[in-house]
């Protein structure tokens, strides 16, 4: 059981790292406003949807990471 939870914790950790790397930074909005209006006008809704999905995935994976880390610690004792 302990080994299964550790493997699951590693998978969730790698997924969490990947999702965080895929997210756009907070300063991306400023560079988009300077570069041109057409891209921000038409691409904003699409980016907002993708960013929303990545944000929700980050929240779910971080909660799973926290629970699995506590489970590993509890089973180690």
C-alpha atoms as a PDB file:
ATOM      1  CA  UNK A   1       0.000   0.000   0.000  1.00  0.00           C
ATOM      2  CA  UNK A   2       2.830   2.396   0.875  1.00  0.00           C
ATOM      3  CA  UNK A   3       4.599   1.776  -2.425  1.00  0.00           C
ATOM      4  CA  UNK A   4       1.390   2.387  -4.388  1.00  0.00           C
ATOM      5  CA  UNK A   5       0.806   5.725  -2.663  1.00  0.00           C
ATOM      6  CA  UNK A   6       4.428   6.773  -3.243  1.00  0.00           C
ATOM      7  CA  UNK A   7       4.144   5.950  -6.954  1.00  0.00           C
ATOM      8  CA  UNK A   8       0.862   7.873  -7.123  1.00  0.00           C
ATOM      9  CA  UNK A   9       2.525  10.807  -5.329  1.00  0.00           C
ATOM     10  CA  UNK A  10       5.343  10.860  -7.901  1.00  0.00           C
ATOM     11  CA  UNK A  11       2.843  10.811 -10.796  1.00  0.00           C
ATOM     12  CA  UNK A  12       0.802  13.637  -9.253  1.00  0.00           C
ATOM     13  CA  UNK A  13       3.997  15.615  -8.608  1.00  0.00           C
ATOM     14  CA  UNK A  14       5.114  15.329 -12.231  1.00  0.00           C
ATOM     15  CA  UNK A  15       1.628  16.297 -13.419  1.00  0.00           C
ATOM     16  CA  UNK A  16       1.568  19.294 -11.088  1.00  0.00           C
ATOM     17  CA  UNK A  17       4.946  20.484 -12.349  1.00  0.00           C
ATOM     18  CA  UNK A  18       3.796  20.124 -15.951  1.00  0.00           C
ATOM     19  CA  UNK A  19       0.549  22.021 -15.409  1.00  0.00           C
ATOM     20  CA  UNK A  20       2.294  24.868 -13.596  1.00  0.00           C
ATOM     21  CA  UNK A  21       4.858  25.181 -16.388  1.00  0.00           C
ATOM     22  CA  UNK A  22       2.080  25.302 -19.013  1.00  0.00           C
ATOM     23  CA  UNK A  23       0.341  28.247 -17.338  1.00  0.00           C
ATOM     24  CA  UNK A  24       0.955  31.722 -18.633  1.00  0.00           C
ATOM     25  CA  UNK A  25       2.555  34.266 -16.362  1.00  0.00           C
ATOM     26  CA  UNK A  26       0.799  37.261 -14.852  1.00  0.00           C
ATOM     27  CA  UNK A  27       2.811  39.634 -17.047  1.00  0.00           C
ATOM     28  CA  UNK A  28       1.534  38.017 -20.264  1.00  0.00           C
ATOM     29  CA  UNK A  29      -1.445  40.371 -20.357  1.00  0.00           C
ATOM     30  CA  UNK A  30       0.755  43.463 -20.534  1.00  0.00           C
ATOM     31  CA  UNK A  31       2.852  42.155 -23.423  1.00  0.00           C
ATOM     32  CA  UNK A  32      -0.310  41.139 -25.271  1.00  0.00           C
ATOM     33  CA  UNK A  33      -1.749  44.633 -24.896  1.00  0.00           C
ATOM     34  CA  UNK A  34       1.391  46.205 -26.311  1.00  0.00           C
ATOM     35  CA  UNK A  35       1.877  43.777 -29.231  1.00  0.00           C
ATOM     36  CA  UNK A  36      -1.476  44.322 -30.909  1.00  0.00           C
ATOM     37  CA  UNK A  37      -5.205  44.578 -30.419  1.00  0.00           C
ATOM     38  CA  UNK A  38      -6.347  41.872 -32.842  1.00  0.00           C
ATOM     39  CA  UNK A  39      -4.642  39.070 -30.977  1.00  0.00           C
ATOM     40  CA  UNK A  40      -6.002  40.149 -27.611  1.00  0.00           C
ATOM     41  CA  UNK A  41      -9.457  40.895 -29.041  1.00  0.00           C
ATOM     42  CA  UNK A  42     -10.045  37.513 -30.691  1.00  0.00           C
ATOM     43  CA  UNK A  43      -7.700  35.281 -28.686  1.00  0.00           C
ATOM     44  CA  UNK A  44      -8.694  36.417 -25.226  1.00  0.00           C
ATOM     45  CA  UNK A  45     -11.682  34.106 -24.720  1.00  0.00           C
ATOM     46  CA  UNK A  46      -9.738  31.059 -25.894  1.00  0.00           C
ATOM     47  CA  UNK A  47      -6.810  31.847 -23.641  1.00  0.00           C
ATOM     48  CA  UNK A  48      -9.135  32.545 -20.748  1.00  0.00           C
ATOM     49  CA  UNK A  49     -10.732  29.098 -21.187  1.00  0.00           C
ATOM     50  CA  UNK A  50      -7.385  27.328 -21.360  1.00  0.00           C
ATOM     51  CA  UNK A  51      -6.059  29.272 -18.384  1.00  0.00           C
ATOM     52  CA  UNK A  52      -9.215  28.410 -16.442  1.00  0.00           C
ATOM     53  CA  UNK A  53      -8.791  24.696 -17.160  1.00  0.00           C
ATOM     54  CA  UNK A  54      -5.112  24.834 -16.182  1.00  0.00           C
ATOM     55  CA  UNK A  55      -5.965  26.717 -12.988  1.00  0.00           C
ATOM     56  CA  UNK A  56      -8.611  24.182 -11.957  1.00  0.00           C
ATOM     57  CA  UNK A  57      -6.284  21.292 -12.790  1.00  0.00           C
ATOM     58  CA  UNK A  58      -3.580  22.910 -10.669  1.00  0.00           C
ATOM     59  CA  UNK A  59      -5.950  23.206  -7.722  1.00  0.00           C
ATOM     60  CA  UNK A  60      -7.050  19.564  -8.001  1.00  0.00           C
ATOM     61  CA  UNK A  61      -3.494  18.254  -8.368  1.00  0.00           C
ATOM     62  CA  UNK A  62      -2.222  20.367  -5.476  1.00  0.00           C
ATOM     63  CA  UNK A  63      -4.974  19.064  -3.176  1.00  0.00           C
ATOM     64  CA  UNK A  64      -4.161  15.493  -4.268  1.00  0.00           C
ATOM     65  CA  UNK A  65      -0.475  16.141  -3.656  1.00  0.00           C
ATOM     66  CA  UNK A  66      -1.174  17.406  -0.139  1.00  0.00           C
ATOM     67  CA  UNK A  67      -3.437  14.463   0.720  1.00  0.00           C
ATOM     68  CA  UNK A  68      -0.990  11.905  -0.700  1.00  0.00           C
ATOM     69  CA  UNK A  69       1.939  13.495   1.134  1.00  0.00           C
ATOM     70  CA  UNK A  70       0.010  13.240   4.402  1.00  0.00           C
ATOM     71  CA  UNK A  71      -0.942   9.632   3.595  1.00  0.00           C
ATOM     72  CA  UNK A  72       2.698   8.699   2.927  1.00  0.00           C
ATOM     73  CA  UNK A  73       3.715  10.291   6.222  1.00  0.00           C
ATOM     74  CA  UNK A  74       0.909   8.583   8.106  1.00  0.00           C
ATOM     75  CA  UNK A  75       1.681   5.153   6.629  1.00  0.00           C
ATOM     76  CA  UNK A  76       5.394   5.582   7.291  1.00  0.00           C
ATOM     77  CA  UNK A  77       4.767   5.788  11.059  1.00  0.00           C
END
